[in-house]
């Protein structure tokens, strides 16, 4: 059978790279069936689907690699919509070594590209899913780190949907009611399990606890990274969230950068959530940020791969932020944290702000110097250790992806039977 595909034989892994061509929001010509008998007998076909920005890739790609390695009878496919997604995924695959993966570029309709370009850098998700729905329906399971893919259920796709999430924070969005529609979920730890069970979002037999594959990547490298500064100062990571209704950036961000620019005690890494400046900075803001870049004790990164691979959370001595789940990754090694309440949130006793209990919270910028000092008190370290243990159910020295991949395969085998 001839396939309407372009084969890329320069793939970094043993799997072929497939490109689904086409550009309009018409139904694509996908009258092909990827080989399901490569290993002598029909096996599961599992898709790892990436529709959003590249920061989501490390939260599930190691699962795909471990699944392909442990279960040669399972056909594992990686499907992306942007070159940036696939570049991050391929670099992760290269770090693991040769892996039997299939690589596919999904068909991206012109409408999806146009709509996505209005607000960011990724194609609008729903048109992409609609255009590829028949091909997607050919899998035994689809693994995703986001929630938009749930609309596949209304598009006639029958494959079980498996959710990995892409962070272990406490915000309400991580416990949205539609998560109950997923067929299987992979959870980071006991805190998440308890809250989701109480909310009816998961049920016994349909989830696995102890999954945070992003840590698997980082733990392959020594914790101490090469210093970004050589002046002997403590380094602060300022990591504001992208959503203005929650972020400290709009009210306090530039004032924070000004304060660090003018003082001589700390270095500053400004590495916001990559969606805050997804389309870059322009005009007066770009000029101002360039002036900060010229200072030897400030490092500005608006969204490179180093902003998503824990380079900065490992390199910093102090975390400064608002609601980003990156703080849960920062306290893998207890260190001072300071949180900025720019919206007068009544956060005490709220399950959405548990992480604000592991460091001082400030309401005004004038409180920042003192908070940076008091954040070093030892009692915060104990709170951080407890918080981390509740957030992540990790086995000492053991990666999480192998066990999590096994849990997915076991569930899909049961569902298929």
Protein backbone atom coordinates (compact mmCIF):
# COMPACT_ATOMS: atom_id res chain seq x y z
CA UNK A 1 0.00 0.00 0.00
CA UNK A 2 1.32 3.45 -0.83
CA UNK A 3 1.20 5.91 2.04
CA UNK A 4 0.56 9.66 1.56
CA UNK A 5 3.57 10.37 3.78
CA UNK A 6 7.04 11.75 3.59
CA UNK A 7 9.57 9.47 5.25
CA UNK A 8 12.51 11.12 7.03
CA UNK A 9 15.31 8.55 7.25
CA UNK A 10 17.50 10.85 9.36
CA UNK A 11 15.52 10.11 12.52
CA UNK A 12 17.64 9.99 15.64
CA UNK A 13 15.96 6.81 16.85
CA UNK A 14 15.22 3.50 15.20
CA UNK A 15 11.62 4.48 14.42
CA UNK A 16 10.79 6.16 11.13
CA UNK A 17 9.68 9.80 11.13
CA UNK A 18 6.36 10.34 9.36
CA UNK A 19 4.98 13.66 8.14
CA UNK A 20 1.25 14.02 7.53
CA UNK A 21 1.10 16.67 4.83
CA UNK A 22 -1.70 19.10 4.11
CA UNK A 23 -2.81 22.50 5.33
CA UNK A 24 -6.57 23.16 5.17
CA UNK A 25 -9.18 22.21 7.76
CA UNK A 26 -10.52 19.54 5.52
CA UNK A 27 -10.36 15.93 6.58
CA UNK A 28 -6.83 14.67 5.80
CA UNK A 29 -6.14 11.78 3.46
CA UNK A 30 -4.95 9.27 6.07
CA UNK A 31 -5.90 5.97 4.46
CA UNK A 32 -2.91 4.16 5.89
CA UNK A 33 -2.32 1.83 8.81
CA UNK A 34 1.02 1.97 10.61
CA UNK A 35 2.55 -1.48 11.04
CA UNK A 36 1.09 -3.25 14.09
CA UNK A 37 2.86 -6.56 13.42
CA UNK A 38 6.45 -5.39 13.49
CA UNK A 39 7.26 -7.82 16.27
CA UNK A 40 5.45 -10.82 14.88
CA UNK A 41 2.07 -10.35 16.57
CA UNK A 42 -0.40 -7.49 16.90
CA UNK A 43 0.44 -5.34 19.92
CA UNK A 44 -0.75 -2.19 21.54
CA UNK A 45 -0.37 1.06 19.66
CA UNK A 46 0.19 3.99 22.03
CA UNK A 47 0.41 7.63 20.99
CA UNK A 48 2.14 10.38 22.94
CA UNK A 49 0.51 13.58 21.71
CA UNK A 50 1.97 17.11 22.00
CA UNK A 51 -0.17 20.11 21.12
CA UNK A 52 1.12 22.88 23.40
CA UNK A 53 4.38 24.67 24.14
CA UNK A 54 7.61 22.65 24.54
CA UNK A 55 7.61 22.87 28.35
CA UNK A 56 5.06 20.05 28.43
CA UNK A 57 7.27 17.57 26.58
CA UNK A 58 9.56 16.56 29.50
CA UNK A 59 6.49 15.65 31.56
CA UNK A 60 5.66 12.63 29.42
CA UNK A 61 8.33 11.88 26.80
CA UNK A 62 10.42 9.69 29.19
CA UNK A 63 7.31 7.51 29.60
CA UNK A 64 7.24 6.89 25.87
CA UNK A 65 10.92 5.96 25.81
CA UNK A 66 10.65 3.56 28.73
CA UNK A 67 7.50 1.99 27.31
CA UNK A 68 9.17 1.37 23.96
CA UNK A 69 12.20 -0.14 25.67
CA UNK A 70 10.34 -2.37 28.13
CA UNK A 71 7.63 -3.52 25.72
CA UNK A 72 8.96 -4.22 22.25
CA UNK A 73 5.52 -5.53 21.32
CA UNK A 74 4.06 -2.04 21.85
CA UNK A 75 4.26 0.44 19.00
CA UNK A 76 5.00 3.85 20.52
CA UNK A 77 4.43 6.97 18.41
CA UNK A 78 5.37 10.57 19.14
CA UNK A 79 3.12 13.14 17.43
CA UNK A 80 3.90 16.87 17.40
CA UNK A 81 2.57 20.02 15.76
CA UNK A 82 5.64 22.30 15.92
CA UNK A 83 9.34 22.02 15.24
CA UNK A 84 10.06 23.27 18.77
CA UNK A 85 8.11 20.42 20.35
CA UNK A 86 9.87 17.83 18.25
CA UNK A 87 13.31 19.37 18.84
CA UNK A 88 12.89 19.08 22.62
CA UNK A 89 11.52 15.55 22.28
CA UNK A 90 14.38 14.42 20.07
CA UNK A 91 16.99 15.85 22.42
CA UNK A 92 15.41 13.93 25.29
CA UNK A 93 15.40 10.76 23.18
CA UNK A 94 19.05 11.30 22.34
CA UNK A 95 19.87 11.63 26.05
CA UNK A 96 18.35 8.20 26.63
CA UNK A 97 20.06 6.61 23.64
CA UNK A 98 18.55 4.54 20.86
CA UNK A 99 14.80 4.02 21.34
CA UNK A 100 12.27 2.33 19.01
CA UNK A 101 9.93 5.28 18.52
CA UNK A 102 7.80 6.38 15.59
CA UNK A 103 7.90 10.14 14.89
CA UNK A 104 4.93 11.91 13.29
CA UNK A 105 4.25 15.55 12.42
CA UNK A 106 0.50 15.99 12.66
CA UNK A 107 -1.43 17.65 9.88
CA UNK A 108 -1.86 21.33 10.82
CA UNK A 109 -4.69 23.11 9.00
CA UNK A 110 -4.13 26.68 7.89
CA UNK A 111 -6.95 27.83 10.15
CA UNK A 112 -5.26 26.26 13.19
CA UNK A 113 -1.96 27.92 12.30
CA UNK A 114 -3.61 31.31 11.85
CA UNK A 115 -5.68 31.17 15.04
CA UNK A 116 -2.71 29.98 17.06
CA UNK A 117 -0.51 32.72 15.67
CA UNK A 118 -2.88 35.39 16.94
CA UNK A 119 -2.08 34.57 20.57
CA UNK A 120 1.09 32.50 20.63
CA UNK A 121 3.39 30.12 18.82
CA UNK A 122 1.45 26.85 18.64
CA UNK A 123 -1.43 25.95 16.30
CA UNK A 124 -4.95 26.17 17.69
CA UNK A 125 -5.57 22.74 19.14
CA UNK A 126 -9.17 21.89 18.27
CA UNK A 127 -8.81 22.20 14.47
CA UNK A 128 -5.67 20.07 14.63
CA UNK A 129 -7.47 17.35 16.58
CA UNK A 130 -10.46 17.44 14.22
CA UNK A 131 -8.28 17.20 11.12
CA UNK A 132 -6.44 14.16 12.49
CA UNK A 133 -9.29 12.48 14.37
CA UNK A 134 -9.62 9.38 12.20
CA UNK A 135 -5.91 8.65 12.41
CA UNK A 136 -5.95 9.27 16.16
CA UNK A 137 -8.81 6.80 16.54
CA UNK A 138 -6.50 4.03 15.35
CA UNK A 139 -4.55 3.91 18.62
CA UNK A 140 -5.18 1.78 21.68
CA UNK A 141 -4.27 4.67 23.97
CA UNK A 142 -3.39 8.36 23.73
CA UNK A 143 -1.16 9.94 26.39
CA UNK A 144 -1.37 13.72 26.88
CA UNK A 145 -0.02 16.28 29.37
CA UNK A 146 -2.92 18.74 28.84
CA UNK A 147 -6.73 18.78 28.93
CA UNK A 148 -7.80 20.15 25.54
CA UNK A 149 -7.38 16.67 24.07
CA UNK A 150 -10.51 15.61 25.97
CA UNK A 151 -12.51 17.08 23.09
CA UNK A 152 -11.45 14.00 21.09
CA UNK A 153 -14.17 12.13 22.95
CA UNK A 154 -16.78 14.32 21.26
CA UNK A 155 -15.07 13.83 17.89
CA UNK A 156 -15.64 10.08 17.82
CA UNK A 157 -12.18 9.02 18.99
CA UNK A 158 -12.63 5.89 21.10
CA UNK A 159 -9.06 5.40 22.29
CA UNK A 160 -8.61 5.73 26.07
CA UNK A 161 -7.13 9.09 27.04
CA UNK A 162 -4.34 9.08 29.63
CA UNK A 163 -3.36 12.25 31.48
CA UNK A 164 0.12 12.94 32.85
CA UNK A 165 -0.33 16.62 33.83
CA UNK A 166 2.63 18.97 33.42
CA UNK A 167 3.41 20.08 36.94
CA UNK A 168 2.68 19.26 40.57
CA UNK A 169 1.46 22.59 41.89
CA UNK A 170 -1.63 23.35 43.96
CA UNK A 171 -3.64 25.74 41.78
CA UNK A 172 -7.29 24.96 41.12
CA UNK A 173 -6.64 24.40 37.39
CA UNK A 174 -4.83 21.20 38.32
CA UNK A 175 -8.07 19.89 39.79
CA UNK A 176 -10.53 21.02 37.12
CA UNK A 177 -13.78 19.04 36.97
CA UNK A 178 -13.20 17.79 33.41
CA UNK A 179 -10.19 15.75 34.57
CA UNK A 180 -12.74 13.12 35.61
CA UNK A 181 -13.27 12.40 31.91
CA UNK A 182 -9.79 10.92 31.48
CA UNK A 183 -9.67 7.13 31.42
CA UNK A 184 -6.40 6.90 33.37
CA UNK A 185 -4.24 9.41 35.24
CA UNK A 186 -0.63 9.52 36.34
CA UNK A 187 -0.14 11.45 39.57
CA UNK A 188 2.97 12.87 41.17
CA UNK A 189 2.22 12.10 44.79
CA UNK A 190 -0.09 11.57 47.75
CA UNK A 191 -1.22 15.21 47.96
CA UNK A 192 -2.57 15.11 44.42
CA UNK A 193 -4.11 11.66 44.92
CA UNK A 194 -5.98 12.68 48.07
CA UNK A 195 -7.42 15.86 46.61
CA UNK A 196 -8.47 14.22 43.34
CA UNK A 197 -10.12 11.31 45.12
CA UNK A 198 -12.02 13.68 47.41
CA UNK A 199 -13.15 15.67 44.36
CA UNK A 200 -14.26 12.55 42.45
CA UNK A 201 -11.75 13.18 39.65
CA UNK A 202 -10.14 9.74 39.81
CA UNK A 203 -11.26 6.31 40.94
CA UNK A 204 -9.39 3.23 42.16
CA UNK A 205 -7.81 1.18 39.39
CA UNK A 206 -7.74 4.13 37.03
CA UNK A 207 -4.62 5.96 38.20
CA UNK A 208 -0.99 5.49 39.20
CA UNK A 209 0.86 7.46 41.89
CA UNK A 210 4.56 8.26 41.74
CA UNK A 211 5.00 9.73 38.25
CA UNK A 212 7.17 12.75 37.55
CA UNK A 213 9.32 11.85 34.55
CA UNK A 214 10.84 15.33 34.33
CA UNK A 215 12.85 14.44 37.43
CA UNK A 216 14.17 11.35 35.64
CA UNK A 217 15.86 13.59 33.09
CA UNK A 218 17.39 15.88 35.67
CA UNK A 219 18.59 13.14 38.00
CA UNK A 220 20.68 11.78 35.14
CA UNK A 221 22.93 14.81 35.66
CA UNK A 222 24.79 15.97 38.81
CA UNK A 223 22.77 18.45 40.87
CA UNK A 224 25.49 21.12 40.88
CA UNK A 225 25.51 22.89 37.53
CA UNK A 226 28.17 25.31 36.32
CA UNK A 227 27.56 28.73 37.92
CA UNK A 228 25.97 31.44 35.79
CA UNK A 229 27.80 34.11 37.78
CA UNK A 230 31.31 34.21 39.22
CA UNK A 231 30.98 37.05 41.75
CA UNK A 232 30.25 35.01 44.89
CA UNK A 233 26.77 36.49 45.41
CA UNK A 234 23.65 34.50 46.19
CA UNK A 235 21.50 34.00 43.10
CA UNK A 236 17.74 34.62 43.06
CA UNK A 237 15.44 33.07 40.43
CA UNK A 238 12.44 35.28 39.64
CA UNK A 239 9.85 33.06 37.95
CA UNK A 240 6.49 34.86 37.46
CA UNK A 241 3.51 33.03 36.01
CA UNK A 242 2.07 33.95 32.62
CA UNK A 243 -1.58 34.41 33.60
CA UNK A 244 -2.02 38.08 34.52
CA UNK A 245 -4.85 37.38 36.98
CA UNK A 246 -2.41 35.35 39.06
CA UNK A 247 1.02 36.65 38.13
CA UNK A 248 3.17 39.23 39.93
CA UNK A 249 4.59 40.47 36.63
CA UNK A 250 2.02 43.08 35.63
CA UNK A 251 2.01 44.95 38.95
CA UNK A 252 5.48 44.30 40.33
CA UNK A 253 7.68 42.71 37.67
CA UNK A 254 9.60 45.69 36.33
CA UNK A 255 9.96 47.16 39.81
CA UNK A 256 11.51 43.87 40.94
CA UNK A 257 13.98 43.93 38.05
CA UNK A 258 14.83 47.55 38.87
CA UNK A 259 15.47 46.70 42.51
CA UNK A 260 17.82 43.85 41.65
CA UNK A 261 19.56 45.98 39.01
CA UNK A 262 20.37 48.65 41.58
CA UNK A 263 21.49 46.50 44.56
CA UNK A 264 24.84 44.74 45.06
CA UNK A 265 24.04 41.69 47.24
CA UNK A 266 22.31 39.30 44.84
CA UNK A 267 22.45 38.00 41.31
CA UNK A 268 19.12 37.62 39.53
CA UNK A 269 17.93 35.09 36.96
CA UNK A 270 14.75 36.37 35.33
CA UNK A 271 13.19 33.28 33.77
CA UNK A 272 9.39 33.66 33.66
CA UNK A 273 6.98 30.99 32.55
CA UNK A 274 7.72 30.73 28.84
CA UNK A 275 4.15 31.68 27.95
CA UNK A 276 4.51 35.12 29.54
CA UNK A 277 6.62 36.28 26.58
CA UNK A 278 5.65 33.52 24.16
CA UNK A 279 5.84 35.90 21.21
CA UNK A 280 8.81 37.78 22.62
CA UNK A 281 9.13 41.29 24.02
CA UNK A 282 8.88 44.36 21.79
CA UNK A 283 9.05 48.13 21.88
CA UNK A 284 9.92 49.91 25.11
CA UNK A 285 9.83 46.68 27.13
CA UNK A 286 12.37 45.02 24.84
CA UNK A 287 14.69 48.02 25.18
CA UNK A 288 14.37 47.94 28.95
CA UNK A 289 15.07 44.23 29.15
CA UNK A 290 18.13 44.72 26.97
CA UNK A 291 19.49 47.21 29.49
CA UNK A 292 19.09 44.57 32.19
CA UNK A 293 20.89 42.04 30.00
CA UNK A 294 23.89 44.34 29.90
CA UNK A 295 24.31 44.09 33.68
CA UNK A 296 26.77 41.39 34.83
CA UNK A 297 24.64 40.31 37.81
CA UNK A 298 21.37 39.89 35.86
CA UNK A 299 20.55 37.01 33.50
CA UNK A 300 17.41 37.32 31.33
CA UNK A 301 15.82 34.29 29.64
CA UNK A 302 12.32 34.73 28.24
CA UNK A 303 11.84 31.15 27.10
CA UNK A 304 14.83 29.11 25.99
CA UNK A 305 15.06 25.39 26.64
CA UNK A 306 17.06 26.16 29.78
CA UNK A 307 13.95 27.75 31.24
CA UNK A 308 12.11 24.41 31.11
CA UNK A 309 14.81 21.82 31.89
CA UNK A 310 15.42 22.88 35.53
CA UNK A 311 18.73 24.56 34.70
CA UNK A 312 17.69 27.64 36.64
CA UNK A 313 15.82 25.92 39.47
CA UNK A 314 19.01 23.95 40.12
CA UNK A 315 21.36 26.91 39.76
CA UNK A 316 19.56 29.39 42.04
CA UNK A 317 19.97 29.82 45.79
CA UNK A 318 16.61 31.53 46.35
CA UNK A 319 13.26 31.22 44.56
CA UNK A 320 11.08 34.31 44.01
CA UNK A 321 7.71 33.82 42.38
CA UNK A 322 3.94 33.70 42.63
CA UNK A 323 1.92 30.65 41.51
CA UNK A 324 4.16 28.70 39.12
CA UNK A 325 4.44 24.98 39.86
CA UNK A 326 8.18 25.26 39.21
CA UNK A 327 8.56 25.94 42.92
CA UNK A 328 7.74 22.28 43.58
CA UNK A 329 10.73 21.38 41.41
CA UNK A 330 12.92 23.97 43.13
CA UNK A 331 12.46 22.41 46.57
CA UNK A 332 13.75 19.02 45.44
CA UNK A 333 16.66 20.52 47.39
CA UNK A 334 15.30 22.71 50.23
CA UNK A 335 16.29 26.33 49.70
CA UNK A 336 14.78 29.72 50.57
CA UNK A 337 11.55 30.70 48.77
CA UNK A 338 9.73 34.04 48.71
CA UNK A 339 6.24 34.52 47.24
CA UNK A 340 4.64 37.71 45.93
CA UNK A 341 0.93 38.28 46.56
CA UNK A 342 0.20 40.94 43.93
CA UNK A 343 -3.57 40.39 43.93
CA UNK A 344 -4.41 40.53 47.64
CA UNK A 345 -5.35 36.87 47.59
CA UNK A 346 -6.79 35.42 50.81
CA UNK A 347 -4.45 32.48 50.58
CA UNK A 348 -4.21 31.14 54.10
CA UNK A 349 -5.91 27.74 54.55
CA UNK A 350 -6.57 27.54 50.81
CA UNK A 351 -5.65 24.23 49.13
CA UNK A 352 -4.80 26.25 45.99
CA UNK A 353 -1.93 27.99 47.81
CA UNK A 354 -0.34 25.29 49.93
CA UNK A 355 3.08 26.13 48.50
CA UNK A 356 2.86 29.63 49.98
CA UNK A 357 3.37 27.97 53.36
CA UNK A 358 6.99 27.05 52.61
CA UNK A 359 8.42 30.57 52.57
CA UNK A 360 7.54 34.17 53.45
CA UNK A 361 4.77 35.85 51.44
CA UNK A 362 5.00 39.57 50.68
CA UNK A 363 2.26 41.96 49.62
CA UNK A 364 4.45 44.95 48.74
CA UNK A 365 7.83 45.30 47.10
CA UNK A 366 9.19 47.20 50.11
CA UNK A 367 9.01 43.91 52.03
CA UNK A 368 11.32 42.10 49.59
CA UNK A 369 14.73 42.81 51.22
CA UNK A 370 13.60 41.55 54.62
CA UNK A 371 11.84 38.53 53.09
CA UNK A 372 15.03 37.50 51.30
CA UNK A 373 16.73 37.49 54.71
CA UNK A 374 14.03 35.69 56.72
CA UNK A 375 13.57 33.06 54.01
CA UNK A 376 16.83 31.49 55.24
CA UNK A 377 15.39 30.50 58.61
CA UNK A 378 15.73 26.77 59.24
CA UNK A 379 12.04 26.17 59.99
CA UNK A 380 11.25 26.79 56.31
CA UNK A 381 13.54 23.87 55.36
CA UNK A 382 11.49 21.44 57.46
CA UNK A 383 8.25 22.68 55.90
CA UNK A 384 9.73 22.31 52.42
CA UNK A 385 10.84 18.73 53.04
CA UNK A 386 7.36 17.82 54.24
CA UNK A 387 5.74 19.60 51.30
CA UNK A 388 8.00 17.86 48.79
CA UNK A 389 7.32 14.43 50.35
CA UNK A 390 3.56 15.02 50.07
CA UNK A 391 3.86 16.31 46.50
CA UNK A 392 6.05 13.52 45.09
CA UNK A 393 5.88 9.81 45.88
CA UNK A 394 9.40 8.91 44.81
CA UNK A 395 11.45 5.80 45.52
CA UNK A 396 15.02 6.66 46.57
CA UNK A 397 17.35 6.51 43.58
CA UNK A 398 14.66 5.08 41.29
CA UNK A 399 13.34 6.82 38.15
CA UNK A 400 9.58 7.22 37.91
CA UNK A 401 9.08 6.64 34.17
CA UNK A 402 9.65 2.82 34.05
CA UNK A 403 7.00 2.07 36.68
CA UNK A 404 4.61 4.63 35.23
CA UNK A 405 5.00 3.28 31.71
CA UNK A 406 4.30 -0.21 33.05
CA UNK A 407 1.13 1.10 34.71
CA UNK A 408 -0.09 2.54 31.39
CA UNK A 409 0.55 -0.69 29.52
CA UNK A 410 -1.18 -2.76 32.20
CA UNK A 411 -4.23 -0.50 32.09
CA UNK A 412 -4.42 -0.55 28.29
CA UNK A 413 -4.04 -4.32 28.17
CA UNK A 414 -6.94 -4.64 30.62
CA UNK A 415 -9.02 -2.15 28.66
CA UNK A 416 -8.32 -4.01 25.42
CA UNK A 417 -9.33 -7.34 26.95
